Amino acid sequence: MDMEYRSRRHPALGKVSLRLTDGSEIPGELLDASDGGAKVQVVGDFAQGTRVRLCAGRLEIWSSIRWSNDGEIGLRFERDLARADLDELVKKPYARGRAASGRWMYGA
């Protein structure tokens, strides 16, 4: 039986932006996230496979658009998030703090 692993989704509400490769930014609302991706509410339609950076606070996460439907998009992160960064993205407190010196960028 061929089953694809799907990470646990965490509900979230927060302002984010999508930075496109041409430098433009689109505002959005984070709806949920997992260590491997996120669902974001945005205005507009986007092509599947479009490469973007999800920007939220100090985090910049390289992602690709997996699907776009009726004002929502699904993102697949290029690298899985560390637990502390996922907690920060969905605004959950985490046990081990770390000094934030600027933005952390996932992917390349």
PDB file of N, CA and C in Angstrom:
ATOM      1  N   MET A   1       0.833  -1.179   0.000  1.00  0.00           N
ATOM      2  CA  MET A   1       0.000   0.000   0.000  1.00  0.00           C
ATOM      3  C   MET A   1       0.877   1.241   0.000  1.00  0.00           C
ATOM      4  N   ASP A   2       0.649   2.146  -0.939  1.00  0.00           N
ATOM      5  CA  ASP A   2       1.458   3.354  -1.081  1.00  0.00           C
ATOM      6  C   ASP A   2       0.767   4.511  -0.370  1.00  0.00           C
ATOM      7  N   MET A   3       1.312   4.923   0.781  1.00  0.00           N
ATOM      8  CA  MET A   3       0.716   6.022   1.542  1.00  0.00           C
ATOM      9  C   MET A   3       1.727   7.144   1.678  1.00  0.00           C
ATOM     10  N   GLU A   4       1.278   8.357   1.424  1.00  0.00           N
ATOM     11  CA  GLU A   4       2.158   9.507   1.558  1.00  0.00           C
ATOM     12  C   GLU A   4       2.046  10.044   2.980  1.00  0.00           C
ATOM     13  N   TYR A   5       3.184  10.296   3.612  1.00  0.00           N
ATOM     14  CA  TYR A   5       3.223  10.853   4.960  1.00  0.00           C
ATOM     15  C   TYR A   5       2.748  12.297   4.929  1.00  0.00           C
ATOM     16  N   ARG A   6       1.901  12.673   5.872  1.00  0.00           N
ATOM     17  CA  ARG A   6       1.457  14.051   5.990  1.00  0.00           C
ATOM     18  C   ARG A   6       1.664  14.504   7.424  1.00  0.00           C
ATOM     19  N   SER A   7       2.408  15.575   7.597  1.00  0.00           N
ATOM     20  CA  SER A   7       2.701  16.109   8.919  1.00  0.00           C
ATOM     21  C   SER A   7       1.433  16.632   9.588  1.00  0.00           C
ATOM     22  N   ARG A   8       1.453  16.650  10.900  1.00  0.00           N
ATOM     23  CA  ARG A   8       0.328  17.179  11.670  1.00  0.00           C
ATOM     24  C   ARG A   8       0.204  18.680  11.429  1.00  0.00           C
ATOM     25  N   ARG A   9      -0.997  19.121  11.084  1.00  0.00           N
ATOM     26  CA  ARG A   9      -1.286  20.540  10.852  1.00  0.00           C
ATOM     27  C   ARG A   9      -1.651  21.214  12.168  1.00  0.00           C
ATOM     28  N   HIS A  10      -1.134  22.433  12.356  1.00  0.00           N
ATOM     29  CA  HIS A  10      -1.431  23.228  13.538  1.00  0.00           C
ATOM     30  C   HIS A  10      -2.205  24.464  13.095  1.00  0.00           C
ATOM     31  N   PRO A  11      -3.381  24.701  13.659  1.00  0.00           N
ATOM     32  CA  PRO A  11      -4.128  25.911  13.280  1.00  0.00           C
ATOM     33  C   PRO A  11      -3.340  27.155  13.640  1.00  0.00           C
ATOM     34  N   ALA A  12      -3.488  28.185  12.838  1.00  0.00           N
ATOM     35  CA  ALA A  12      -2.748  29.424  13.068  1.00  0.00           C
ATOM     36  C   ALA A  12      -3.521  30.575  12.458  1.00  0.00           C
ATOM     37  N   LEU A  13      -3.391  31.720  13.038  1.00  0.00           N
ATOM     38  CA  LEU A  13      -3.920  32.954  12.457  1.00  0.00           C
ATOM     39  C   LEU A  13      -2.863  34.017  12.647  1.00  0.00           C
ATOM     40  N   GLY A  14      -2.362  34.531  11.561  1.00  0.00           N
ATOM     41  CA  GLY A  14      -1.345  35.562  11.661  1.00  0.00           C
ATOM     42  C   GLY A  14      -1.038  36.147  10.304  1.00  0.00           C
ATOM     43  N   LYS A  15      -0.611  37.386  10.316  1.00  0.00           N
ATOM     44  CA  LYS A  15      -0.233  38.077   9.087  1.00  0.00           C
ATOM     45  C   LYS A  15       1.118  37.561   8.616  1.00  0.00           C
ATOM     46  N   VAL A  16       1.198  37.245   7.334  1.00  0.00           N
ATOM     47  CA  VAL A  16       2.439  36.819   6.696  1.00  0.00           C
ATOM     48  C   VAL A  16       2.525  37.521   5.353  1.00  0.00           C
ATOM     49  N   SER A  17       3.639  37.354   4.682  1.00  0.00           N
ATOM     50  CA  SER A  17       3.728  37.822   3.299  1.00  0.00           C
ATOM     51  C   SER A  17       4.449  36.771   2.485  1.00  0.00           C
ATOM     52  N   LEU A  18       4.152  36.771   1.205  1.00  0.00           N
ATOM     53  CA  LEU A  18       4.841  35.910   0.259  1.00  0.00           C
ATOM     54  C   LEU A  18       5.738  36.796  -0.584  1.00  0.00           C
ATOM     55  N   ARG A  19       7.022  36.505  -0.584  1.00  0.00           N
ATOM     56  CA  ARG A  19       7.957  37.263  -1.396  1.00  0.00           C
ATOM     57  C   ARG A  19       8.248  36.442  -2.649  1.00  0.00           C
ATOM     58  N   LEU A  20       7.899  37.012  -3.797  1.00  0.00           N
ATOM     59  CA  LEU A  20       8.108  36.332  -5.067  1.00  0.00           C
ATOM     60  C   LEU A  20       9.542  36.524  -5.535  1.00  0.00           C
ATOM     61  N   THR A  21       9.972  35.730  -6.491  1.00  0.00           N
ATOM     62  CA  THR A  21      11.357  35.804  -6.957  1.00  0.00           C
ATOM     63  C   THR A  21      11.666  37.120  -7.653  1.00  0.00           C
ATOM     64  N   ASP A  22      10.635  37.858  -8.114  1.00  0.00           N
ATOM     65  CA  ASP A  22      10.875  39.178  -8.726  1.00  0.00           C
ATOM     66  C   ASP A  22      10.982  40.284  -7.679  1.00  0.00           C
ATOM     67  N   GLY A  23      10.885  39.920  -6.375  1.00  0.00           N
ATOM     68  CA  GLY A  23      11.012  40.884  -5.294  1.00  0.00           C
ATOM     69  C   GLY A  23       9.698  41.449  -4.790  1.00  0.00           C
ATOM     70  N   SER A  24       8.616  41.216  -5.500  1.00  0.00           N
ATOM     71  CA  SER A  24       7.324  41.734  -5.041  1.00  0.00           C
ATOM     72  C   SER A  24       6.827  40.918  -3.848  1.00  0.00           C
ATOM     73  N   GLU A  25       5.975  41.559  -3.041  1.00  0.00           N
ATOM     74  CA  GLU A  25       5.418  40.902  -1.860  1.00  0.00           C
ATOM     75  C   GLU A  25       3.910  40.931  -1.909  1.00  0.00           C
ATOM     76  N   ILE A  26       3.305  39.818  -1.499  1.00  0.00           N
ATOM     77  CA  ILE A  26       1.858  39.695  -1.433  1.00  0.00           C
ATOM     78  C   ILE A  26       1.490  39.425   0.014  1.00  0.00           C
ATOM     79  N   PRO A  27       0.601  40.251   0.602  1.00  0.00           N
ATOM     80  CA  PRO A  27       0.183  39.998   1.976  1.00  0.00           C
ATOM     81  C   PRO A  27      -0.726  38.773   2.049  1.00  0.00           C
ATOM     82  N   GLY A  28      -0.686  38.093   3.181  1.00  0.00           N
ATOM     83  CA  GLY A  28      -1.527  36.924   3.377  1.00  0.00           C
ATOM     84  C   GLY A  28      -1.836  36.684   4.838  1.00  0.00           C
ATOM     85  N   GLU A  29      -2.672  35.707   5.070  1.00  0.00           N
ATOM     86  CA  GLU A  29      -3.066  35.292   6.418  1.00  0.00           C
ATOM     87  C   GLU A  29      -2.747  33.803   6.550  1.00  0.00           C
ATOM     88  N   LEU A  30      -1.886  33.456   7.515  1.00  0.00           N
ATOM     89  CA  LEU A  30      -1.541  32.066   7.751  1.00  0.00           C
ATOM     90  C   LEU A  30      -2.743  31.363   8.375  1.00  0.00           C
ATOM     91  N   LEU A  31      -3.196  30.259   7.778  1.00  0.00           N
ATOM     92  CA  LEU A  31      -4.353  29.520   8.286  1.00  0.00           C
ATOM     93  C   LEU A  31      -3.948  28.282   9.070  1.00  0.00           C
ATOM     94  N   ASP A  32      -2.933  27.576   8.607  1.00  0.00           N
ATOM     95  CA  ASP A  32      -2.385  26.453   9.358  1.00  0.00           C
ATOM     96  C   ASP A  32      -0.978  26.171   8.860  1.00  0.00           C
ATOM     97  N   ALA A  33      -0.244  25.382   9.645  1.00  0.00           N
ATOM     98  CA  ALA A  33       1.131  25.056   9.272  1.00  0.00           C
ATOM     99  C   ALA A  33       1.526  23.728   9.883  1.00  0.00           C
ATOM    100  N   SER A  34       2.493  23.094   9.246  1.00  0.00           N
ATOM    101  CA  SER A  34       3.124  21.886   9.767  1.00  0.00           C
ATOM    102  C   SER A  34       4.624  22.070   9.585  1.00  0.00           C
ATOM    103  N   ASP A  35       5.398  21.063   9.963  1.00  0.00           N
ATOM    104  CA  ASP A  35       6.840  21.203   9.773  1.00  0.00           C
ATOM    105  C   ASP A  35       7.222  21.206   8.296  1.00  0.00           C
ATOM    106  N   GLY A  36       6.319  20.758   7.418  1.00  0.00           N
ATOM    107  CA  GLY A  36       6.650  20.665   6.001  1.00  0.00           C
ATOM    108  C   GLY A  36       5.897  21.592   5.074  1.00  0.00           C
ATOM    109  N   GLY A  37       4.932  22.372   5.602  1.00  0.00           N
ATOM    110  CA  GLY A  37       4.170  23.246   4.714  1.00  0.00           C
ATOM    111  C   GLY A  37       3.162  24.093   5.453  1.00  0.00           C
ATOM    112  N   ALA A  38       2.382  24.851   4.682  1.00  0.00           N
ATOM    113  CA  ALA A  38       1.406  25.761   5.286  1.00  0.00           C
ATOM    114  C   ALA A  38       0.273  26.045   4.310  1.00  0.00           C
ATOM    115  N   LYS A  39      -0.849  26.483   4.880  1.00  0.00           N
ATOM    116  CA  LYS A  39      -1.966  26.980   4.079  1.00  0.00           C
ATOM    117  C   LYS A  39      -2.108  28.465   4.375  1.00  0.00           C
ATOM    118  N   VAL A  40      -2.178  29.265   3.294  1.00  0.00           N
ATOM    119  CA  VAL A  40      -2.210  30.718   3.421  1.00  0.00           C
ATOM    120  C   VAL A  40      -3.371  31.270   2.601  1.00  0.00           C
ATOM    121  N   GLN A  41      -4.091  32.218   3.189  1.00  0.00           N
ATOM    122  CA  GLN A  41      -5.152  32.922   2.467  1.00  0.00           C
ATOM    123  C   GLN A  41      -4.532  34.148   1.807  1.00  0.00           C
ATOM    124  N   VAL A  42      -4.750  34.288   0.500  1.00  0.00           N
ATOM    125  CA  VAL A  42      -4.175  35.387  -0.279  1.00  0.00           C
ATOM    126  C   VAL A  42      -5.200  35.872  -1.300  1.00  0.00           C
ATOM    127  N   VAL A  43      -4.922  37.031  -1.869  1.00  0.00           N
ATOM    128  CA  VAL A  43      -5.729  37.530  -2.984  1.00  0.00           C
ATOM    129  C   VAL A  43      -4.976  37.207  -4.261  1.00  0.00           C
ATOM    130  N   GLY A  44      -5.640  36.540  -5.193  1.00  0.00           N
ATOM    131  CA  GLY A  44      -5.019  36.224  -6.466  1.00  0.00           C
ATOM    132  C   GLY A  44      -4.864  34.740  -6.675  1.00  0.00           C
ATOM    133  N   ASP A  45      -4.545  34.392  -7.902  1.00  0.00           N
ATOM    134  CA  ASP A  45      -4.289  33.003  -8.277  1.00  0.00           C
ATOM    135  C   ASP A  45      -2.805  32.850  -8.557  1.00  0.00           C
ATOM    136  N   PHE A  46      -2.279  31.703  -8.204  1.00  0.00           N
ATOM    137  CA  PHE A  46      -0.852  31.448  -8.374  1.00  0.00           C
ATOM    138  C   PHE A  46      -0.658  30.092  -9.021  1.00  0.00           C
ATOM    139  N   ALA A  47       0.321  29.998  -9.871  1.00  0.00           N
ATOM    140  CA  ALA A  47       0.606  28.747 -10.574  1.00  0.00           C
ATOM    141  C   ALA A  47       1.268  27.746  -9.645  1.00  0.00           C
ATOM    142  N   GLN A  48       0.869  26.502  -9.792  1.00  0.00           N
ATOM    143  CA  GLN A  48       1.500  25.429  -9.049  1.00  0.00           C
ATOM    144  C   GLN A  48       2.975  25.388  -9.419  1.00  0.00           C
ATOM    145  N   GLY A  49       3.835  25.213  -8.414  1.00  0.00           N
ATOM    146  CA  GLY A  49       5.273  25.156  -8.637  1.00  0.00           C
ATOM    147  C   GLY A  49       5.985  26.486  -8.493  1.00  0.00           C
ATOM    148  N   THR A  50       5.228  27.593  -8.367  1.00  0.00           N
ATOM    149  CA  THR A  50       5.849  28.904  -8.183  1.00  0.00           C
ATOM    150  C   THR A  50       6.660  28.901  -6.894  1.00  0.00           C
ATOM    151  N   ARG A  51       7.893  29.375  -6.976  1.00  0.00           N
ATOM    152  CA  ARG A  51       8.787  29.424  -5.806  1.00  0.00           C
ATOM    153  C   ARG A  51       8.602  30.770  -5.105  1.00  0.00           C
ATOM    154  N   VAL A  52       8.400  30.729  -3.782  1.00  0.00           N
ATOM    155  CA  VAL A  52       8.182  31.926  -2.972  1.00  0.00           C
ATOM    156  C   VAL A  52       8.911  31.769  -1.643  1.00  0.00           C
ATOM    157  N   ARG A  53       9.046  32.900  -0.943  1.00  0.00           N
ATOM    158  CA  ARG A  53       9.493  32.866   0.451  1.00  0.00           C
ATOM    159  C   ARG A  53       8.314  33.268   1.318  1.00  0.00           C
ATOM    160  N   LEU A  54       7.973  32.429   2.283  1.00  0.00           N
ATOM    161  CA  LEU A  54       6.966  32.760   3.281  1.00  0.00           C
ATOM    162  C   LEU A  54       7.674  33.558   4.365  1.00  0.00           C
ATOM    163  N   CYS A  55       7.259  34.810   4.566  1.00  0.00           N
ATOM    164  CA  CYS A  55       7.899  35.689   5.549  1.00  0.00           C
ATOM    165  C   CYS A  55       6.945  35.904   6.716  1.00  0.00           C
ATOM    166  N   ALA A  56       7.423  35.562   7.898  1.00  0.00           N
ATOM    167  CA  ALA A  56       6.629  35.707   9.119  1.00  0.00           C
ATOM    168  C   ALA A  56       7.580  36.048  10.257  1.00  0.00           C
ATOM    169  N   GLY A  57       7.519  37.279  10.712  1.00  0.00           N
ATOM    170  CA  GLY A  57       8.438  37.701  11.762  1.00  0.00           C
ATOM    171  C   GLY A  57       9.868  37.567  11.294  1.00  0.00           C
ATOM    172  N   ARG A  58      10.696  36.866  12.069  1.00  0.00           N
ATOM    173  CA  ARG A  58      12.108  36.693  11.715  1.00  0.00           C
ATOM    174  C   ARG A  58      12.333  35.547  10.739  1.00  0.00           C
ATOM    175  N   LEU A  59      11.281  34.776  10.443  1.00  0.00           N
ATOM    176  CA  LEU A  59      11.421  33.607   9.572  1.00  0.00           C
ATOM    177  C   LEU A  59      11.205  33.959   8.107  1.00  0.00           C
ATOM    178  N   GLU A  60      12.046  33.431   7.260  1.00  0.00           N
ATOM    179  CA  GLU A  60      11.868  33.469   5.809  1.00  0.00           C
ATOM    180  C   GLU A  60      12.045  32.040   5.333  1.00  0.00           C
ATOM    181  N   ILE A  61      10.974  31.447   4.818  1.00  0.00           N
ATOM    182  CA  ILE A  61      10.966  30.025   4.513  1.00  0.00           C
ATOM    183  C   ILE A  61      10.759  29.822   3.015  1.00  0.00           C
ATOM    184  N   TRP A  62      11.775  29.319   2.323  1.00  0.00           N
ATOM    185  CA  TRP A  62      11.646  29.023   0.898  1.00  0.00           C
ATOM    186  C   TRP A  62      10.633  27.905   0.735  1.00  0.00           C
ATOM    187  N   SER A  63       9.713  28.121  -0.196  1.00  0.00           N
ATOM    188  CA  SER A  63       8.595  27.200  -0.400  1.00  0.00           C
ATOM    189  C   SER A  63       8.222  27.169  -1.874  1.00  0.00           C
ATOM    190  N   SER A  64       7.413  26.184  -2.227  1.00  0.00           N
ATOM    191  CA  SER A  64       6.802  26.168  -3.554  1.00  0.00           C
ATOM    192  C   SER A  64       5.298  25.998  -3.383  1.00  0.00           C
ATOM    193  N   ILE A  65       4.561  26.602  -4.283  1.00  0.00           N
ATOM    194  CA  ILE A  65       3.104  26.521  -4.229  1.00  0.00           C
ATOM    195  C   ILE A  65       2.683  25.165  -4.783  1.00  0.00           C
ATOM    196  N   ARG A  66       1.972  24.395  -3.964  1.00  0.00           N
ATOM    197  CA  ARG A  66       1.502  23.064  -4.354  1.00  0.00           C
ATOM    198  C   ARG A  66       0.117  23.129  -4.989  1.00  0.00           C
ATOM    199  N   TRP A  67      -0.717  24.044  -4.486  1.00  0.00           N
ATOM    200  CA  TRP A  67      -2.062  24.202  -5.027  1.00  0.00           C
ATOM    201  C   TRP A  67      -2.567  25.604  -4.730  1.00  0.00           C
ATOM    202  N   SER A  68      -3.527  26.059  -5.507  1.00  0.00           N
ATOM    203  CA  SER A  68      -4.152  27.370  -5.337  1.00  0.00           C
ATOM    204  C   SER A  68      -5.628  27.196  -5.659  1.00  0.00           C
ATOM    205  N   ASN A  69      -6.495  27.607  -4.710  1.00  0.00           N
ATOM    206  CA  ASN A  69      -7.918  27.404  -4.904  1.00  0.00           C
ATOM    207  C   ASN A  69      -8.726  28.424  -4.108  1.00  0.00           C
ATOM    208  N   ASP A  70      -9.479  29.253  -4.802  1.00  0.00           N
ATOM    209  CA  ASP A  70     -10.455  30.139  -4.180  1.00  0.00           C
ATOM    210  C   ASP A  70      -9.863  30.996  -3.057  1.00  0.00           C
ATOM    211  N   GLY A  71      -8.731  31.639  -3.339  1.00  0.00           N
ATOM    212  CA  GLY A  71      -8.136  32.548  -2.364  1.00  0.00           C
ATOM    213  C   GLY A  71      -7.254  31.894  -1.319  1.00  0.00           C
ATOM    214  N   GLU A  72      -6.989  30.610  -1.447  1.00  0.00           N
ATOM    215  CA  GLU A  72      -6.093  29.914  -0.527  1.00  0.00           C
ATOM    216  C   GLU A  72      -5.026  29.191  -1.333  1.00  0.00           C
ATOM    217  N   ILE A  73      -3.825  29.108  -0.760  1.00  0.00           N
ATOM    218  CA  ILE A  73      -2.748  28.358  -1.391  1.00  0.00           C
ATOM    219  C   ILE A  73      -2.131  27.394  -0.394  1.00  0.00           C
ATOM    220  N   GLY A  74      -1.626  26.297  -0.914  1.00  0.00           N
ATOM    221  CA  GLY A  74      -0.873  25.341  -0.120  1.00  0.00           C
ATOM    222  C   GLY A  74       0.594  25.458  -0.460  1.00  0.00           C
ATOM    223  N   LEU A  75       1.422  25.592   0.554  1.00  0.00           N
ATOM    224  CA  LEU A  75       2.870  25.703   0.369  1.00  0.00           C
ATOM    225  C   LEU A  75       3.556  24.442   0.852  1.00  0.00           C
ATOM    226  N   ARG A  76       4.595  24.034   0.156  1.00  0.00           N
ATOM    227  CA  ARG A  76       5.481  22.964   0.602  1.00  0.00           C
ATOM    228  C   ARG A  76       6.832  23.599   0.866  1.00  0.00           C
ATOM    229  N   PHE A  77       7.295  23.521   2.122  1.00  0.00           N
ATOM    230  CA  PHE A  77       8.585  24.085   2.469  1.00  0.00           C
ATOM    231  C   PHE A  77       9.700  23.262   1.822  1.00  0.00           C
ATOM    232  N   GLU A  78      10.766  23.943   1.407  1.00  0.00           N
ATOM    233  CA  GLU A  78      11.890  23.235   0.797  1.00  0.00           C
ATOM    234  C   GLU A  78      12.651  22.399   1.808  1.00  0.00           C
ATOM    235  N   ARG A  79      12.602  22.806   3.065  1.00  0.00           N
ATOM    236  CA  ARG A  79      13.190  22.028   4.166  1.00  0.00           C
ATOM    237  C   ARG A  79      12.206  22.032   5.316  1.00  0.00           C
ATOM    238  N   ASP A  80      12.138  20.908   6.031  1.00  0.00           N
ATOM    239  CA  ASP A  80      11.253  20.847   7.190  1.00  0.00           C
ATOM    240  C   ASP A  80      11.718  21.831   8.263  1.00  0.00           C
ATOM    241  N   LEU A  81      10.756  22.418   8.954  1.00  0.00           N
ATOM    242  CA  LEU A  81      11.069  23.361  10.018  1.00  0.00           C
ATOM    243  C   LEU A  81      11.484  22.642  11.296  1.00  0.00           C
ATOM    244  N   ALA A  82      12.374  23.259  12.046  1.00  0.00           N
ATOM    245  CA  ALA A  82      12.687  22.803  13.394  1.00  0.00           C
ATOM    246  C   ALA A  82      11.465  23.064  14.271  1.00  0.00           C
ATOM    247  N   ARG A  83      11.303  22.277  15.318  1.00  0.00           N
ATOM    248  CA  ARG A  83      10.128  22.391  16.184  1.00  0.00           C
ATOM    249  C   ARG A  83       9.950  23.809  16.744  1.00  0.00           C
ATOM    250  N   ALA A  84      11.034  24.436  17.202  1.00  0.00           N
ATOM    251  CA  ALA A  84      10.938  25.786  17.773  1.00  0.00           C
ATOM    252  C   ALA A  84      10.461  26.791  16.723  1.00  0.00           C
ATOM    253  N   ASP A  85      10.900  26.636  15.475  1.00  0.00           N
ATOM    254  CA  ASP A  85      10.480  27.556  14.423  1.00  0.00           C
ATOM    255  C   ASP A  85       9.028  27.323  14.022  1.00  0.00           C
ATOM    256  N   LEU A  86       8.584  26.068  14.015  1.00  0.00           N
ATOM    257  CA  LEU A  86       7.170  25.789  13.769  1.00  0.00           C
ATOM    258  C   LEU A  86       6.319  26.401  14.875  1.00  0.00           C
ATOM    259  N   ASP A  87       6.750  26.230  16.114  1.00  0.00           N
ATOM    260  CA  ASP A  87       6.015  26.821  17.237  1.00  0.00           C
ATOM    261  C   ASP A  87       5.944  28.336  17.107  1.00  0.00           C
ATOM    262  N   GLU A  88       7.035  28.959  16.690  1.00  0.00           N
ATOM    263  CA  GLU A  88       7.032  30.404  16.497  1.00  0.00           C
ATOM    264  C   GLU A  88       6.092  30.806  15.359  1.00  0.00           C
ATOM    265  N   LEU A  89       6.110  30.038  14.284  1.00  0.00           N
ATOM    266  CA  LEU A  89       5.259  30.336  13.135  1.00  0.00           C
ATOM    267  C   LEU A  89       3.779  30.302  13.514  1.00  0.00           C
ATOM    268  N   VAL A  90       3.386  29.330  14.319  1.00  0.00           N
ATOM    269  CA  VAL A  90       1.974  29.223  14.715  1.00  0.00           C
ATOM    270  C   VAL A  90       1.720  29.887  16.076  1.00  0.00           C
ATOM    271  N   LYS A  91       2.716  30.641  16.544  1.00  0.00           N
ATOM    272  CA  LYS A  91       2.610  31.444  17.772  1.00  0.00           C
ATOM    273  C   LYS A  91       2.394  30.618  19.037  1.00  0.00           C
ATOM    274  N   LYS A  92       3.098  29.473  19.109  1.00  0.00           N
ATOM    275  CA  LYS A  92       3.051  28.658  20.317  1.00  0.00           C
ATOM    276  C   LYS A  92       4.335  28.876  21.099  1.00  0.00           C
ATOM    277  N   PRO A  93       4.251  28.951  22.424  1.00  0.00           N
ATOM    278  CA  PRO A  93       5.488  29.043  23.211  1.00  0.00           C
ATOM    279  C   PRO A  93       6.230  27.712  23.144  1.00  0.00           C
ATOM    280  N   TYR A  94       7.541  27.770  23.213  1.00  0.00           N
ATOM    281  CA  TYR A  94       8.327  26.544  23.220  1.00  0.00           C
ATOM    282  C   TYR A  94       9.305  26.581  24.369  1.00  0.00           C
ATOM    283  N   ALA A  95       9.712  25.392  24.798  1.00  0.00           N
ATOM    284  CA  ALA A  95      10.497  25.248  26.021  1.00  0.00           C
ATOM    285  C   ALA A  95      11.890  25.854  25.914  1.00  0.00           C
ATOM    286  N   ARG A  96      12.575  25.622  24.814  1.00  0.00           N
ATOM    287  CA  ARG A  96      13.948  26.088  24.690  1.00  0.00           C
ATOM    288  C   ARG A  96      13.999  27.356  23.854  1.00  0.00           C
ATOM    289  N   GLY A  97      14.393  28.460  24.477  1.00  0.00           N
ATOM    290  CA  GLY A  97      14.514  29.712  23.740  1.00  0.00           C
ATOM    291  C   GLY A  97      15.850  29.794  23.032  1.00  0.00           C
ATOM    292  N   ARG A  98      15.949  30.747  22.115  1.00  0.00           N
ATOM    293  CA  ARG A  98      17.238  30.983  21.473  1.00  0.00           C
ATOM    294  C   ARG A  98      17.262  32.441  21.043  1.00  0.00           C
ATOM    295  N   ALA A  99      18.419  33.020  21.109  1.00  0.00           N
ATOM    296  CA  ALA A  99      18.558  34.420  20.754  1.00  0.00           C
ATOM    297  C   ALA A  99      18.264  34.602  19.272  1.00  0.00           C
ATOM    298  N   ALA A 100      17.443  35.583  18.957  1.00  0.00           N
ATOM    299  CA  ALA A 100      17.105  35.856  17.562  1.00  0.00           C
ATOM    300  C   ALA A 100      17.953  37.006  17.065  1.00  0.00           C
ATOM    301  N   SER A 101      18.896  36.694  16.231  1.00  0.00           N
ATOM    302  CA  SER A 101      19.744  37.745  15.663  1.00  0.00           C
ATOM    303  C   SER A 101      19.422  37.860  14.182  1.00  0.00           C
ATOM    304  N   GLY A 102      18.365  38.590  13.889  1.00  0.00           N
ATOM    305  CA  GLY A 102      17.974  38.737  12.489  1.00  0.00           C
ATOM    306  C   GLY A 102      17.018  37.656  12.056  1.00  0.00           C
ATOM    307  N   ARG A 103      16.917  37.477  10.738  1.00  0.00           N
ATOM    308  CA  ARG A 103      15.989  36.522  10.167  1.00  0.00           C
ATOM    309  C   ARG A 103      16.686  35.181   9.945  1.00  0.00           C
ATOM    310  N   TRP A 104      15.926  34.123  10.097  1.00  0.00           N
ATOM    311  CA  TRP A 104      16.406  32.781   9.795  1.00  0.00           C
ATOM    312  C   TRP A 104      15.813  32.377   8.458  1.00  0.00           C
ATOM    313  N   MET A 105      16.628  31.864   7.576  1.00  0.00           N
ATOM    314  CA  MET A 105      16.144  31.508   6.255  1.00  0.00           C
ATOM    315  C   MET A 105      16.287  30.009   6.032  1.00  0.00           C
ATOM    316  N   TYR A 106      15.189  29.383   5.640  1.00  0.00           N
ATOM    317  CA  TYR A 106      15.175  27.959   5.318  1.00  0.00           C
ATOM    318  C   TYR A 106      15.217  27.791   3.819  1.00  0.00           C
ATOM    319  N   GLY A 107      15.890  26.785   3.348  1.00  0.00           N
ATOM    320  CA  GLY A 107      16.009  26.531   1.921  1.00  0.00           C
ATOM    321  C   GLY A 107      17.162  27.334   1.349  1.00  0.00           C
ATOM    322  N   ALA A 108      17.253  27.322   0.049  1.00  0.00           N
ATOM    323  CA  ALA A 108      18.349  28.077  -0.581  1.00  0.00           C
ATOM    324  C   ALA A 108      17.886  28.715  -1.858  1.00  0.00           C
TER     325      ALA A 108
END
